[in-house]
N, C-alpha and C. Protein backbone atom coordinates (compact mmCIF):
# COMPACT_ATOMS: atom_id res chain seq x y z
N MET A 1 1.34 5.07 7.93
CA MET A 1 2.61 5.09 7.19
C MET A 1 2.74 6.41 6.44
N PRO A 2 3.97 6.89 6.28
CA PRO A 2 4.18 8.16 5.56
C PRO A 2 3.76 8.06 4.09
N VAL A 3 3.26 9.20 3.58
CA VAL A 3 2.88 9.31 2.17
C VAL A 3 3.68 10.46 1.57
N ILE A 4 4.37 10.19 0.46
CA ILE A 4 5.17 11.22 -0.20
C ILE A 4 4.74 11.34 -1.66
N LYS A 5 4.63 12.60 -2.12
CA LYS A 5 4.39 12.85 -3.55
C LYS A 5 5.71 13.29 -4.15
N LEU A 6 6.07 12.67 -5.26
CA LEU A 6 7.29 13.03 -6.00
C LEU A 6 6.89 13.63 -7.35
N ASN A 7 7.55 14.72 -7.73
CA ASN A 7 7.44 15.26 -9.08
C ASN A 7 8.82 15.12 -9.71
N ILE A 8 8.89 14.28 -10.72
CA ILE A 8 10.16 13.95 -11.36
C ILE A 8 10.19 14.64 -12.72
N SER A 9 11.24 15.45 -12.95
CA SER A 9 11.32 16.17 -14.22
C SER A 9 12.61 15.81 -14.94
N GLY A 10 12.62 16.14 -16.23
CA GLY A 10 13.73 15.79 -17.12
C GLY A 10 13.16 15.06 -18.32
N GLN A 11 13.94 14.17 -18.91
CA GLN A 11 13.45 13.34 -20.02
C GLN A 11 12.85 12.09 -19.40
N VAL A 12 11.58 12.22 -18.94
CA VAL A 12 10.96 11.13 -18.20
C VAL A 12 9.65 10.64 -18.82
N GLN A 13 9.23 11.24 -19.94
CA GLN A 13 8.04 10.74 -20.64
C GLN A 13 8.47 10.17 -21.99
N GLY A 14 7.83 9.06 -22.38
CA GLY A 14 8.14 8.43 -23.66
C GLY A 14 9.40 7.59 -23.62
N VAL A 15 9.90 7.30 -22.41
CA VAL A 15 11.13 6.52 -22.27
C VAL A 15 10.93 5.30 -21.35
N GLY A 16 9.68 5.01 -20.99
CA GLY A 16 9.38 3.86 -20.14
C GLY A 16 9.59 4.12 -18.66
N TYR A 17 9.65 5.39 -18.29
CA TYR A 17 9.94 5.73 -16.88
C TYR A 17 8.85 5.22 -15.93
N ARG A 18 7.58 5.43 -16.29
CA ARG A 18 6.50 4.99 -15.38
C ARG A 18 6.56 3.49 -15.15
N TYR A 19 6.81 2.70 -16.18
CA TYR A 19 6.86 1.24 -16.03
C TYR A 19 8.05 0.84 -15.17
N TRP A 20 9.19 1.49 -15.42
CA TRP A 20 10.38 1.23 -14.63
C TRP A 20 10.12 1.59 -13.16
N PHE A 21 9.52 2.75 -12.91
CA PHE A 21 9.23 3.22 -11.56
C PHE A 21 8.31 2.23 -10.84
N ALA A 22 7.26 1.78 -11.53
CA ALA A 22 6.31 0.83 -10.94
C ALA A 22 7.00 -0.47 -10.55
N GLU A 23 7.91 -0.97 -11.41
CA GLU A 23 8.68 -2.18 -11.09
C GLU A 23 9.49 -1.99 -9.82
N GLN A 24 10.18 -0.86 -9.72
CA GLN A 24 11.00 -0.56 -8.54
C GLN A 24 10.13 -0.48 -7.29
N ALA A 25 9.01 0.24 -7.39
CA ALA A 25 8.12 0.42 -6.24
C ALA A 25 7.55 -0.92 -5.78
N GLN A 26 7.14 -1.76 -6.73
CA GLN A 26 6.60 -3.07 -6.38
C GLN A 26 7.66 -3.94 -5.73
N ALA A 27 8.89 -3.88 -6.24
CA ALA A 27 9.98 -4.67 -5.67
C ALA A 27 10.26 -4.26 -4.22
N LEU A 28 10.05 -2.97 -3.92
CA LEU A 28 10.28 -2.48 -2.55
C LEU A 28 9.05 -2.66 -1.65
N GLY A 29 7.93 -3.10 -2.22
CA GLY A 29 6.73 -3.31 -1.43
C GLY A 29 5.93 -2.04 -1.15
N LEU A 30 6.12 -1.03 -2.00
CA LEU A 30 5.40 0.24 -1.82
C LEU A 30 4.00 0.15 -2.40
N LYS A 31 3.13 1.04 -1.91
CA LYS A 31 1.78 1.19 -2.45
C LYS A 31 1.70 2.59 -3.06
N GLY A 32 0.73 2.80 -3.96
CA GLY A 32 0.54 4.12 -4.54
C GLY A 32 0.36 4.08 -6.04
N TYR A 33 0.80 5.17 -6.71
CA TYR A 33 0.63 5.24 -8.16
C TYR A 33 1.72 6.12 -8.78
N VAL A 34 1.84 6.00 -10.10
CA VAL A 34 2.71 6.86 -10.89
C VAL A 34 1.93 7.25 -12.15
N LYS A 35 2.10 8.51 -12.60
CA LYS A 35 1.40 8.95 -13.81
C LYS A 35 2.17 10.09 -14.48
N ASN A 36 1.91 10.27 -15.78
CA ASN A 36 2.46 11.40 -16.52
C ASN A 36 1.63 12.64 -16.23
N LEU A 37 2.27 13.80 -16.21
CA LEU A 37 1.57 15.07 -16.09
C LEU A 37 1.66 15.82 -17.41
N SER A 38 0.74 16.71 -17.66
CA SER A 38 0.73 17.48 -18.91
C SER A 38 1.93 18.42 -19.00
N THR A 39 2.61 18.66 -17.88
CA THR A 39 3.80 19.53 -17.86
C THR A 39 5.05 18.83 -18.38
N GLY A 40 4.94 17.52 -18.66
CA GLY A 40 6.12 16.76 -19.08
C GLY A 40 6.81 16.05 -17.92
N GLU A 41 6.30 16.29 -16.72
CA GLU A 41 6.86 15.63 -15.54
C GLU A 41 6.11 14.32 -15.28
N VAL A 42 6.68 13.53 -14.37
CA VAL A 42 6.02 12.33 -13.88
C VAL A 42 5.72 12.56 -12.41
N GLU A 43 4.49 12.24 -11.99
CA GLU A 43 4.10 12.35 -10.58
C GLU A 43 3.95 10.95 -10.01
N ALA A 44 4.47 10.77 -8.81
CA ALA A 44 4.29 9.50 -8.10
C ALA A 44 3.87 9.81 -6.68
N VAL A 45 2.92 9.05 -6.19
CA VAL A 45 2.56 9.11 -4.78
C VAL A 45 2.86 7.73 -4.21
N ILE A 46 3.73 7.71 -3.19
CA ILE A 46 4.19 6.44 -2.65
C ILE A 46 3.92 6.37 -1.15
N VAL A 47 3.54 5.18 -0.70
CA VAL A 47 3.24 4.92 0.70
C VAL A 47 4.12 3.76 1.15
N GLY A 48 4.81 3.95 2.26
CA GLY A 48 5.66 2.88 2.78
C GLY A 48 6.36 3.32 4.05
N THR A 49 7.29 2.51 4.49
CA THR A 49 8.08 2.87 5.66
C THR A 49 9.10 3.93 5.26
N ASP A 50 9.69 4.59 6.25
CA ASP A 50 10.71 5.61 5.95
C ASP A 50 11.85 5.03 5.12
N SER A 51 12.30 3.82 5.46
CA SER A 51 13.43 3.24 4.72
C SER A 51 13.03 2.87 3.28
N GLN A 52 11.79 2.38 3.09
CA GLN A 52 11.32 2.07 1.73
C GLN A 52 11.24 3.35 0.90
N LEU A 53 10.71 4.41 1.51
CA LEU A 53 10.57 5.68 0.79
C LEU A 53 11.93 6.26 0.43
N SER A 54 12.87 6.23 1.37
CA SER A 54 14.22 6.75 1.09
C SER A 54 14.87 6.01 -0.06
N GLU A 55 14.72 4.69 -0.08
CA GLU A 55 15.31 3.89 -1.15
C GLU A 55 14.67 4.21 -2.50
N MET A 56 13.34 4.38 -2.53
CA MET A 56 12.65 4.69 -3.79
C MET A 56 13.04 6.06 -4.30
N ILE A 57 13.19 7.03 -3.39
CA ILE A 57 13.62 8.37 -3.80
C ILE A 57 15.01 8.30 -4.42
N ALA A 58 15.90 7.55 -3.80
CA ALA A 58 17.26 7.39 -4.36
C ALA A 58 17.21 6.74 -5.74
N ARG A 59 16.39 5.70 -5.88
CA ARG A 59 16.28 5.01 -7.17
C ARG A 59 15.64 5.88 -8.24
N SER A 60 14.71 6.78 -7.83
CA SER A 60 13.98 7.58 -8.82
C SER A 60 14.89 8.50 -9.62
N TRP A 61 16.08 8.78 -9.09
CA TRP A 61 17.07 9.59 -9.83
C TRP A 61 17.69 8.82 -10.99
N GLN A 62 17.64 7.50 -10.96
CA GLN A 62 18.28 6.69 -12.00
C GLN A 62 17.37 6.55 -13.22
N GLY A 63 16.23 5.88 -13.03
CA GLY A 63 15.33 5.68 -14.15
C GLY A 63 15.86 4.66 -15.14
N PRO A 64 15.07 4.36 -16.16
CA PRO A 64 15.51 3.43 -17.19
C PRO A 64 16.60 4.06 -18.06
N ALA A 65 17.19 3.25 -18.92
CA ALA A 65 18.36 3.68 -19.71
C ALA A 65 18.15 4.98 -20.50
N ARG A 66 16.97 5.17 -21.10
CA ARG A 66 16.76 6.33 -21.98
C ARG A 66 16.30 7.58 -21.23
N ALA A 67 16.07 7.46 -19.91
CA ALA A 67 15.59 8.60 -19.12
C ALA A 67 16.76 9.45 -18.63
N THR A 68 16.51 10.75 -18.49
CA THR A 68 17.45 11.67 -17.86
C THR A 68 16.67 12.46 -16.82
N VAL A 69 16.96 12.19 -15.55
CA VAL A 69 16.24 12.86 -14.46
C VAL A 69 16.98 14.12 -14.06
N LYS A 70 16.29 15.25 -14.11
CA LYS A 70 16.90 16.54 -13.73
C LYS A 70 16.57 16.94 -12.30
N SER A 71 15.36 16.61 -11.84
CA SER A 71 15.02 16.91 -10.45
C SER A 71 13.96 15.96 -9.93
N VAL A 72 13.99 15.76 -8.62
CA VAL A 72 12.98 14.98 -7.92
C VAL A 72 12.52 15.82 -6.74
N MET A 73 11.35 16.43 -6.88
CA MET A 73 10.78 17.25 -5.81
C MET A 73 9.94 16.36 -4.90
N GLN A 74 10.11 16.53 -3.58
CA GLN A 74 9.40 15.70 -2.62
C GLN A 74 8.46 16.54 -1.77
N GLU A 75 7.30 15.99 -1.50
CA GLU A 75 6.34 16.67 -0.63
C GLU A 75 5.64 15.62 0.23
N TYR A 76 5.76 15.76 1.54
CA TYR A 76 5.03 14.86 2.44
C TYR A 76 3.56 15.25 2.43
N LEU A 77 2.68 14.26 2.31
CA LEU A 77 1.25 14.53 2.29
C LEU A 77 0.66 14.15 3.65
N GLU A 78 -0.27 14.96 4.11
CA GLU A 78 -0.92 14.72 5.41
C GLU A 78 -1.94 13.59 5.31
N SER A 79 -2.58 13.49 4.15
CA SER A 79 -3.69 12.54 4.02
C SER A 79 -3.19 11.10 3.90
N GLU A 80 -4.08 10.19 4.23
CA GLU A 80 -3.81 8.77 4.03
C GLU A 80 -4.16 8.44 2.58
N LEU A 81 -3.39 7.56 1.99
CA LEU A 81 -3.73 7.07 0.64
C LEU A 81 -4.17 5.63 0.81
N ASP A 82 -5.41 5.34 0.46
CA ASP A 82 -5.94 4.00 0.64
C ASP A 82 -5.61 3.17 -0.60
N ALA A 83 -4.36 2.80 -0.71
CA ALA A 83 -3.89 2.03 -1.87
C ALA A 83 -3.63 0.59 -1.45
N GLN A 84 -4.08 -0.34 -2.28
CA GLN A 84 -3.86 -1.76 -2.00
C GLN A 84 -2.62 -2.28 -2.72
N ASP A 85 -2.17 -1.54 -3.73
CA ASP A 85 -1.11 -2.03 -4.61
C ASP A 85 -0.39 -0.80 -5.17
N PHE A 86 0.51 -1.04 -6.12
CA PHE A 86 1.14 0.06 -6.83
C PHE A 86 0.69 -0.01 -8.28
N ILE A 87 0.12 1.09 -8.80
CA ILE A 87 -0.44 1.07 -10.15
C ILE A 87 0.10 2.22 -11.01
N ILE A 88 -0.04 2.04 -12.31
CA ILE A 88 0.30 3.08 -13.29
C ILE A 88 -1.01 3.70 -13.76
N LEU A 89 -1.14 5.01 -13.59
CA LEU A 89 -2.33 5.72 -14.07
C LEU A 89 -2.04 6.31 -15.45
N ARG A 90 -3.05 6.32 -16.30
CA ARG A 90 -2.88 6.87 -17.65
C ARG A 90 -3.30 8.32 -17.67
């Protein structure tokens, strides 16, 4: 299955974005993780079908009420991610 890394920037830390993202990913049946970066961005690595990934990318622009997403950078990863679930990393 395809693996995509997303770097989401804007007002995405301290607004519940990671928890919101994890809920969306779990609802879509995706595997992977989401975490804050020291740059102020949020990084997510998601594994799923093309349609699941497309839907999550579209949703990632919304975020929770207090978030403001300025960009969502996408990068396809060659490696397999051996994820059993979707988790939030600290």
